[in-house]
PDB file of N, CA and C in Angstrom:
ATOM      1  N   MET A   1      23.013-110.157-112.633  1.00  0.00           N
ATOM      2  CA  MET A   1      22.978-109.861-110.934  1.00  0.00           C
ATOM      3  C   MET A   1      24.087-109.253-110.604  1.00  0.00           C
ATOM      4  N   ASP A   2      23.861-108.909-109.085  1.00  0.00           N
ATOM      5  CA  ASP A   2      24.783-108.401-108.537  1.00  0.00           C
ATOM      6  C   ASP A   2      25.829-109.328-107.680  1.00  0.00           C
ATOM      7  N   ASN A   3      26.524-109.109-107.813  1.00  0.00           N
ATOM      8  CA  ASN A   3      28.048-110.206-106.988  1.00  0.00           C
ATOM      9  C   ASN A   3      27.787-110.227-105.807  1.00  0.00           C
ATOM     10  N   SER A   4      27.059-108.593-104.953  1.00  0.00           N
ATOM     11  CA  SER A   4      27.005-108.739-103.499  1.00  0.00           C
ATOM     12  C   SER A   4      25.825-109.193-102.988  1.00  0.00           C
ATOM     13  N   LEU A   5      25.010-109.587-103.318  1.00  0.00           N
ATOM     14  CA  LEU A   5      24.247-110.089-103.151  1.00  0.00           C
ATOM     15  C   LEU A   5      24.080-111.642-101.914  1.00  0.00           C
ATOM     16  N   ASN A   6      23.286-111.101-100.791  1.00  0.00           N
ATOM     17  CA  ASN A   6      23.955-112.250 -99.773  1.00  0.00           C
ATOM     18  C   ASN A   6      22.512-113.476 -99.401  1.00  0.00           C
ATOM     19  N   PHE A   7      23.569-114.572-100.474  1.00  0.00           N
ATOM     20  CA  PHE A   7      22.911-115.198-100.641  1.00  0.00           C
ATOM     21  C   PHE A   7      22.138-116.710-100.004  1.00  0.00           C
ATOM     22  N   LYS A   8      23.087-116.384 -98.754  1.00  0.00           N
ATOM     23  CA  LYS A   8      23.028-117.524 -97.580  1.00  0.00           C
ATOM     24  C   LYS A   8      21.250-116.303 -96.318  1.00  0.00           C
ATOM     25  N   ARG A   9      21.163-115.128 -96.210  1.00  0.00           N
ATOM     26  CA  ARG A   9      19.998-114.637 -96.031  1.00  0.00           C
ATOM     27  C   ARG A   9      19.134-114.078 -97.036  1.00  0.00           C
ATOM     28  N   LEU A  10      18.793-114.240 -98.519  1.00  0.00           N
ATOM     29  CA  LEU A  10      17.885-114.736 -99.548  1.00  0.00           C
ATOM     30  C   LEU A  10      17.500-115.861 -99.554  1.00  0.00           C
ATOM     31  N   SER A  11      18.472-117.017 -98.834  1.00  0.00           N
ATOM     32  CA  SER A  11      17.326-118.256 -99.142  1.00  0.00           C
ATOM     33  C   SER A  11      16.722-117.751 -97.246  1.00  0.00           C
ATOM     34  N   PHE A  12      17.693-117.555 -96.850  1.00  0.00           N
ATOM     35  CA  PHE A  12      17.240-118.132 -95.182  1.00  0.00           C
ATOM     36  C   PHE A  12      15.941-117.495 -95.093  1.00  0.00           C
ATOM     37  N   LEU A  13      15.476-115.982 -95.683  1.00  0.00           N
ATOM     38  CA  LEU A  13      14.384-115.052 -95.963  1.00  0.00           C
ATOM     39  C   LEU A  13      13.549-115.987 -96.916  1.00  0.00           C
ATOM     40  N   GLY A  14      13.529-116.226 -97.813  1.00  0.00           N
ATOM     41  CA  GLY A  14      12.936-117.355 -98.330  1.00  0.00           C
ATOM     42  C   GLY A  14      12.214-118.172 -98.610  1.00  0.00           C
ATOM     43  N   ASP A  15      13.213-118.926 -97.596  1.00  0.00           N
ATOM     44  CA  ASP A  15      12.717-120.015 -96.959  1.00  0.00           C
ATOM     45  C   ASP A  15      11.572-119.408 -95.894  1.00  0.00           C
ATOM     46  N   LYS A  16      11.424-118.671 -95.078  1.00  0.00           N
ATOM     47  CA  LYS A  16      10.511-117.954 -93.946  1.00  0.00           C
ATOM     48  C   LYS A  16       9.930-118.015 -94.456  1.00  0.00           C
ATOM     49  N   VAL A  17       9.522-117.017 -96.497  1.00  0.00           N
ATOM     50  CA  VAL A  17       8.273-116.433 -96.529  1.00  0.00           C
ATOM     51  C   VAL A  17       8.246-117.796 -97.310  1.00  0.00           C
ATOM     52  N   LYS A  18       8.308-118.486 -98.018  1.00  0.00           N
ATOM     53  CA  LYS A  18       7.464-120.125 -98.347  1.00  0.00           C
ATOM     54  C   LYS A  18       6.836-120.950 -97.163  1.00  0.00           C
ATOM     55  N   ALA A  19       7.727-120.981 -96.337  1.00  0.00           N
ATOM     56  CA  ALA A  19       6.693-120.998 -95.214  1.00  0.00           C
ATOM     57  C   ALA A  19       6.033-120.614 -94.170  1.00  0.00           C
ATOM     58  N   GLY A  20       5.893-119.441 -95.092  1.00  0.00           N
ATOM     59  CA  GLY A  20       4.701-118.563 -94.324  1.00  0.00           C
ATOM     60  C   GLY A  20       5.280-117.782 -92.640  1.00  0.00           C
ATOM     61  N   THR A  21       6.678-118.186 -92.219  1.00  0.00           N
ATOM     62  CA  THR A  21       7.046-117.608 -90.718  1.00  0.00           C
ATOM     63  C   THR A  21       7.940-116.621 -90.641  1.00  0.00           C
ATOM     64  N   ALA A  22       7.802-115.797 -91.938  1.00  0.00           N
ATOM     65  CA  ALA A  22       8.678-114.766 -91.942  1.00  0.00           C
ATOM     66  C   ALA A  22       8.012-113.848 -91.162  1.00  0.00           C
ATOM     67  N   SER A  23       8.609-112.987 -90.831  1.00  0.00           N
ATOM     68  CA  SER A  23       7.525-111.827 -90.314  1.00  0.00           C
ATOM     69  C   SER A  23       7.526-110.686 -91.061  1.00  0.00           C
ATOM     70  N   LYS A  24       6.823-109.795 -91.112  1.00  0.00           N
ATOM     71  CA  LYS A  24       6.689-108.504 -91.771  1.00  0.00           C
ATOM     72  C   LYS A  24       7.694-108.197 -91.718  1.00  0.00           C
ATOM     73  N   ALA A  25       8.812-107.575 -91.414  1.00  0.00           N
ATOM     74  CA  ALA A  25      10.292-107.222 -91.315  1.00  0.00           C
ATOM     75  C   ALA A  25      11.169-107.861 -92.681  1.00  0.00           C
ATOM     76  N   GLU A  26      10.677-109.322 -92.110  1.00  0.00           N
ATOM     77  CA  GLU A  26      11.935-110.606 -92.836  1.00  0.00           C
ATOM     78  C   GLU A  26      10.503-110.202 -94.709  1.00  0.00           C
ATOM     79  N   LYS A  27       9.817-109.928 -94.581  1.00  0.00           N
ATOM     80  CA  LYS A  27       9.454-110.636 -95.979  1.00  0.00           C
ATOM     81  C   LYS A  27       9.240-108.844 -96.142  1.00  0.00           C
ATOM     82  N   ASP A  28       9.521-108.107 -95.543  1.00  0.00           N
ATOM     83  CA  ASP A  28      10.466-106.980 -96.295  1.00  0.00           C
ATOM     84  C   ASP A  28      11.691-106.494 -96.798  1.00  0.00           C
ATOM     85  N   GLU A  29      12.267-107.041 -96.133  1.00  0.00           N
ATOM     86  CA  GLU A  29      13.563-107.469 -96.507  1.00  0.00           C
ATOM     87  C   GLU A  29      13.968-108.188 -97.205  1.00  0.00           C
ATOM     88  N   PHE A  30      13.113-109.359 -97.903  1.00  0.00           N
ATOM     89  CA  PHE A  30      13.687-110.115 -99.057  1.00  0.00           C
ATOM     90  C   PHE A  30      12.517-109.700-100.319  1.00  0.00           C
ATOM     91  N   MET A  31      11.731-109.039-100.050  1.00  0.00           N
ATOM     92  CA  MET A  31      11.978-107.737-101.288  1.00  0.00           C
ATOM     93  C   MET A  31      12.650-107.025-101.552  1.00  0.00           C
ATOM     94  N   SER A  32      12.748-106.283-100.377  1.00  0.00           N
ATOM     95  CA  SER A  32      14.006-104.950-100.685  1.00  0.00           C
ATOM     96  C   SER A  32      15.145-105.406-101.130  1.00  0.00           C
ATOM     97  N   MET A  33      15.217-107.125-101.384  1.00  0.00           N
ATOM     98  CA  MET A  33      17.249-107.367-101.235  1.00  0.00           C
ATOM     99  C   MET A  33      17.403-107.786-103.024  1.00  0.00           C
ATOM    100  N   LEU A  34      15.823-108.311-103.337  1.00  0.00           N
ATOM    101  CA  LEU A  34      15.356-109.143-104.786  1.00  0.00           C
ATOM    102  C   LEU A  34      15.282-107.667-105.770  1.00  0.00           C
ATOM    103  N   TYR A  35      14.478-106.284-104.815  1.00  0.00           N
ATOM    104  CA  TYR A  35      14.240-104.910-105.281  1.00  0.00           C
ATOM    105  C   TYR A  35      15.527-104.204-105.814  1.00  0.00           C
ATOM    106  N   GLN A  36      16.130-104.515-104.958  1.00  0.00           N
ATOM    107  CA  GLN A  36      17.896-103.739-105.046  1.00  0.00           C
ATOM    108  C   GLN A  36      18.951-104.733-106.230  1.00  0.00           C
ATOM    109  N   ASN A  37      18.486-105.616-105.471  1.00  0.00           N
ATOM    110  CA  ASN A  37      19.317-106.624-106.839  1.00  0.00           C
ATOM    111  C   ASN A  37      18.597-106.621-108.568  1.00  0.00           C
ATOM    112  N   GLY A  38      17.977-105.693-108.866  1.00  0.00           N
ATOM    113  CA  GLY A  38      16.661-106.101-109.977  1.00  0.00           C
ATOM    114  C   GLY A  38      16.075-107.150-110.448  1.00  0.00           C
ATOM    115  N   SER A  39      15.574-108.183-109.422  1.00  0.00           N
ATOM    116  CA  SER A  39      14.975-108.987-109.442  1.00  0.00           C
ATOM    117  C   SER A  39      13.604-109.147-109.840  1.00  0.00           C
ATOM    118  N   ILE A  40      13.543-108.251-109.159  1.00  0.00           N
ATOM    119  CA  ILE A  40      11.707-107.339-109.344  1.00  0.00           C
ATOM    120  C   ILE A  40      11.932-106.082-109.910  1.00  0.00           C
ATOM    121  N   ASN A  41      11.053-106.055-110.793  1.00  0.00           N
ATOM    122  CA  ASN A  41      10.548-104.106-110.665  1.00  0.00           C
ATOM    123  C   ASN A  41      10.252-103.194-109.871  1.00  0.00           C
ATOM    124  N   GLU A  42      10.548-102.372-110.331  1.00  0.00           N
ATOM    125  CA  GLU A  42      10.199-101.067-109.398  1.00  0.00           C
ATOM    126  C   GLU A  42       8.137-101.331-109.238  1.00  0.00           C
ATOM    127  N   LYS A  43       7.596-101.737-110.177  1.00  0.00           N
ATOM    128  CA  LYS A  43       6.235-101.418-110.361  1.00  0.00           C
ATOM    129  C   LYS A  43       6.264-102.422-109.106  1.00  0.00           C
ATOM    130  N   GLN A  44       6.453-104.069-109.588  1.00  0.00           N
ATOM    131  CA  GLN A  44       6.030-105.227-108.541  1.00  0.00           C
ATOM    132  C   GLN A  44       6.414-104.686-107.220  1.00  0.00           C
ATOM    133  N   TYR A  45       7.426-104.081-106.437  1.00  0.00           N
ATOM    134  CA  TYR A  45       7.999-103.270-105.386  1.00  0.00           C
ATOM    135  C   TYR A  45       6.757-102.440-104.873  1.00  0.00           C
ATOM    136  N   LYS A  46       6.657-101.788-105.685  1.00  0.00           N
ATOM    137  CA  LYS A  46       5.694-100.391-104.862  1.00  0.00           C
ATOM    138  C   LYS A  46       4.056-100.985-104.660  1.00  0.00           C
ATOM    139  N   ASP A  47       3.645-101.780-105.910  1.00  0.00           N
ATOM    140  CA  ASP A  47       2.758-102.621-105.572  1.00  0.00           C
ATOM    141  C   ASP A  47       2.741-103.773-104.121  1.00  0.00           C
ATOM    142  N   TYR A  48       4.028-103.855-103.846  1.00  0.00           N
ATOM    143  CA  TYR A  48       3.732-105.499-102.893  1.00  0.00           C
ATOM    144  C   TYR A  48       4.065-104.060-101.428  1.00  0.00           C
ATOM    145  N   LYS A  49       4.588-102.833-101.454  1.00  0.00           N
ATOM    146  CA  LYS A  49       4.316-102.193-100.304  1.00  0.00           C
ATOM    147  C   LYS A  49       3.043-101.409 -99.968  1.00  0.00           C
ATOM    148  N   ALA A  50       2.535-100.850-100.852  1.00  0.00           N
ATOM    149  CA  ALA A  50       1.404-101.099-101.272  1.00  0.00           C
ATOM    150  C   ALA A  50       0.486-101.297-101.082  1.00  0.00           C
ATOM    151  N   ASN A  51       0.307-103.046-100.868  1.00  0.00           N
ATOM    152  CA  ASN A  51      -0.207-103.956-100.514  1.00  0.00           C
ATOM    153  C   ASN A  51      -1.130-104.132-101.354  1.00  0.00           C
ATOM    154  N   ARG A  52      -0.818-104.120-102.513  1.00  0.00           N
ATOM    155  CA  ARG A  52      -1.754-104.654-103.825  1.00  0.00           C
ATOM    156  C   ARG A  52      -1.063-105.913-104.406  1.00  0.00           C
ATOM    157  N   ASN A  53      -2.058-107.126-105.080  1.00  0.00           N
ATOM    158  CA  ASN A  53      -1.266-107.878-105.566  1.00  0.00           C
ATOM    159  C   ASN A  53      -0.063-108.752-104.741  1.00  0.00           C
ATOM    160  N   ILE A  54      -0.508-108.726-103.727  1.00  0.00           N
ATOM    161  CA  ILE A  54       1.110-109.045-102.363  1.00  0.00           C
ATOM    162  C   ILE A  54       1.213-110.512-102.813  1.00  0.00           C
ATOM    163  N   ASP A  55       0.184-111.251-102.567  1.00  0.00           N
ATOM    164  CA  ASP A  55       0.560-112.940-102.440  1.00  0.00           C
ATOM    165  C   ASP A  55       0.817-113.418-104.122  1.00  0.00           C
ATOM    166  N   GLU A  56       0.057-112.520-105.319  1.00  0.00           N
ATOM    167  CA  GLU A  56       1.356-112.801-106.502  1.00  0.00           C
ATOM    168  C   GLU A  56       2.618-112.375-106.376  1.00  0.00           C
ATOM    169  N   ILE A  57       2.749-111.241-106.150  1.00  0.00           N
ATOM    170  CA  ILE A  57       4.278-110.294-106.733  1.00  0.00           C
ATOM    171  C   ILE A  57       4.716-111.779-105.048  1.00  0.00           C
ATOM    172  N   VAL A  58       4.788-112.015-104.229  1.00  0.00           N
ATOM    173  CA  VAL A  58       5.390-112.004-103.064  1.00  0.00           C
ATOM    174  C   VAL A  58       5.755-113.741-104.352  1.00  0.00           C
ATOM    175  N   ASN A  59       4.636-114.881-104.693  1.00  0.00           N
ATOM    176  CA  ASN A  59       4.644-115.916-105.230  1.00  0.00           C
ATOM    177  C   ASN A  59       5.941-115.916-106.527  1.00  0.00           C
ATOM    178  N   ALA A  60       5.898-114.356-106.955  1.00  0.00           N
ATOM    179  CA  ALA A  60       6.943-113.850-108.293  1.00  0.00           C
ATOM    180  C   ALA A  60       8.134-114.098-107.696  1.00  0.00           C
ATOM    181  N   ALA A  61       8.347-113.453-106.530  1.00  0.00           N
ATOM    182  CA  ALA A  61       9.493-113.352-106.162  1.00  0.00           C
ATOM    183  C   ALA A  61      10.410-114.734-105.519  1.00  0.00           C
ATOM    184  N   LEU A  62       9.039-115.110-105.371  1.00  0.00           N
ATOM    185  CA  LEU A  62      10.092-116.587-104.622  1.00  0.00           C
ATOM    186  C   LEU A  62      10.598-117.346-105.207  1.00  0.00           C
ATOM    187  N   ALA A  63       9.542-116.994-106.824  1.00  0.00           N
ATOM    188  CA  ALA A  63      10.190-118.239-108.115  1.00  0.00           C
ATOM    189  C   ALA A  63      11.614-117.599-108.885  1.00  0.00           C
ATOM    190  N   VAL A  64      11.445-116.072-108.503  1.00  0.00           N
ATOM    191  CA  VAL A  64      13.010-115.487-108.649  1.00  0.00           C
ATOM    192  C   VAL A  64      14.231-115.535-107.439  1.00  0.00           C
ATOM    193  N   GLY A  65      13.739-115.900-106.337  1.00  0.00           N
ATOM    194  CA  GLY A  65      14.914-115.661-105.483  1.00  0.00           C
ATOM    195  C   GLY A  65      15.586-117.437-105.953  1.00  0.00           C
ATOM    196  N   ALA A  66      14.500-118.327-105.922  1.00  0.00           N
ATOM    197  CA  ALA A  66      15.253-119.418-106.317  1.00  0.00           C
ATOM    198  C   ALA A  66      16.307-119.905-106.973  1.00  0.00           C
ATOM    199  N   VAL A  67      15.284-119.407-108.459  1.00  0.00           N
ATOM    200  CA  VAL A  67      16.484-119.298-110.007  1.00  0.00           C
ATOM    201  C   VAL A  67      17.525-118.517-109.134  1.00  0.00           C
ATOM    202  N   LEU A  68      17.568-117.350-108.995  1.00  0.00           N
ATOM    203  CA  LEU A  68      19.066-117.104-108.568  1.00  0.00           C
ATOM    204  C   LEU A  68      19.813-117.554-107.617  1.00  0.00           C
ATOM    205  N   LEU A  69      19.553-118.466-106.718  1.00  0.00           N
ATOM    206  CA  LEU A  69      19.821-119.201-105.795  1.00  0.00           C
ATOM    207  C   LEU A  69      20.377-120.451-106.915  1.00  0.00           C
ATOM    208  N   ILE A  70      19.418-121.364-107.537  1.00  0.00           N
ATOM    209  CA  ILE A  70      20.306-121.887-108.211  1.00  0.00           C
ATOM    210  C   ILE A  70      21.283-121.132-108.693  1.00  0.00           C
ATOM    211  N   GLY A  71      21.582-120.326-109.246  1.00  0.00           N
ATOM    212  CA  GLY A  71      22.707-120.016-110.098  1.00  0.00           C
ATOM    213  C   GLY A  71      23.479-119.620-109.582  1.00  0.00           C
ATOM    214  N   TYR A  72      23.762-119.501-108.532  1.00  0.00           N
ATOM    215  CA  TYR A  72      24.775-118.662-107.296  1.00  0.00           C
ATOM    216  C   TYR A  72      25.398-120.157-107.305  1.00  0.00           C
ATOM    217  N   LEU A  73      24.194-121.423-107.036  1.00  0.00           N
ATOM    218  CA  LEU A  73      25.273-122.491-106.392  1.00  0.00           C
ATOM    219  C   LEU A  73      25.408-123.193-108.121  1.00  0.00           C
ATOM    220  N   ILE A  74      24.841-123.207-108.892  1.00  0.00           N
ATOM    221  CA  ILE A  74      25.950-123.461-109.864  1.00  0.00           C
ATOM    222  C   ILE A  74      27.576-122.726-110.766  1.00  0.00           C
ATOM    223  N   SER A  75      26.583-121.643-110.275  1.00  0.00           N
ATOM    224  CA  SER A  75      28.102-120.890-110.316  1.00  0.00           C
ATOM    225  C   SER A  75      29.314-121.307-109.247  1.00  0.00           C
ATOM    226  N   GLU A  76      28.907-121.636-108.512  1.00  0.00           N
ATOM    227  CA  GLU A  76      29.933-121.680-106.939  1.00  0.00           C
ATOM    228  C   GLU A  76      30.586-122.999-107.514  1.00  0.00           C
ATOM    229  N   LEU A  77      29.760-124.478-108.109  1.00  0.00           N
ATOM    230  CA  LEU A  77      30.137-126.023-108.485  1.00  0.00           C
ATOM    231  C   LEU A  77      31.055-125.449-109.673  1.00  0.00           C
ATOM    232  N   PHE A  78      31.027-124.630-109.721  1.00  0.00           N
ATOM    233  CA  PHE A  78      32.178-124.128-111.400  1.00  0.00           C
ATOM    234  C   PHE A  78      32.794-123.576-111.113  1.00  0.00           C
ATOM    235  N   ASN A  79      33.067-123.131-110.267  1.00  0.00           N
ATOM    236  CA  ASN A  79      33.900-122.318-109.723  1.00  0.00           C
ATOM    237  C   ASN A  79      35.073-122.688-109.004  1.00  0.00           C
ATOM    238  N   GLY A  80      35.195-124.127-108.430  1.00  0.00           N
ATOM    239  CA  GLY A  80      35.126-124.806-107.759  1.00  0.00           C
ATOM    240  C   GLY A  80      35.297-124.558-106.010  1.00  0.00           C
ATOM    241  N   LYS A  81      34.561-123.943-105.610  1.00  0.00           N
ATOM    242  CA  LYS A  81      34.344-123.482-104.335  1.00  0.00           C
ATOM    243  C   LYS A  81      33.979-124.210-102.996  1.00  0.00           C
TER     244      LYS A  81
END
């Protein structure tokens, strides 16, 4: 997991995507963050960009994002921050 990932931004974007209020640019940024972090693979990202299976890919990305955020929060808890 990339420690330079902006978890606050990921959480903000994930919330907007889940609520259906994210703009196309925000949804693209969310997917790009997950792709660059290695959390979704190249095929998933390319399919998303090509408008193939978008709902399935975005739903999977939301689940992955949630797991990343939970892991981050747990690590912060154990690091005493």
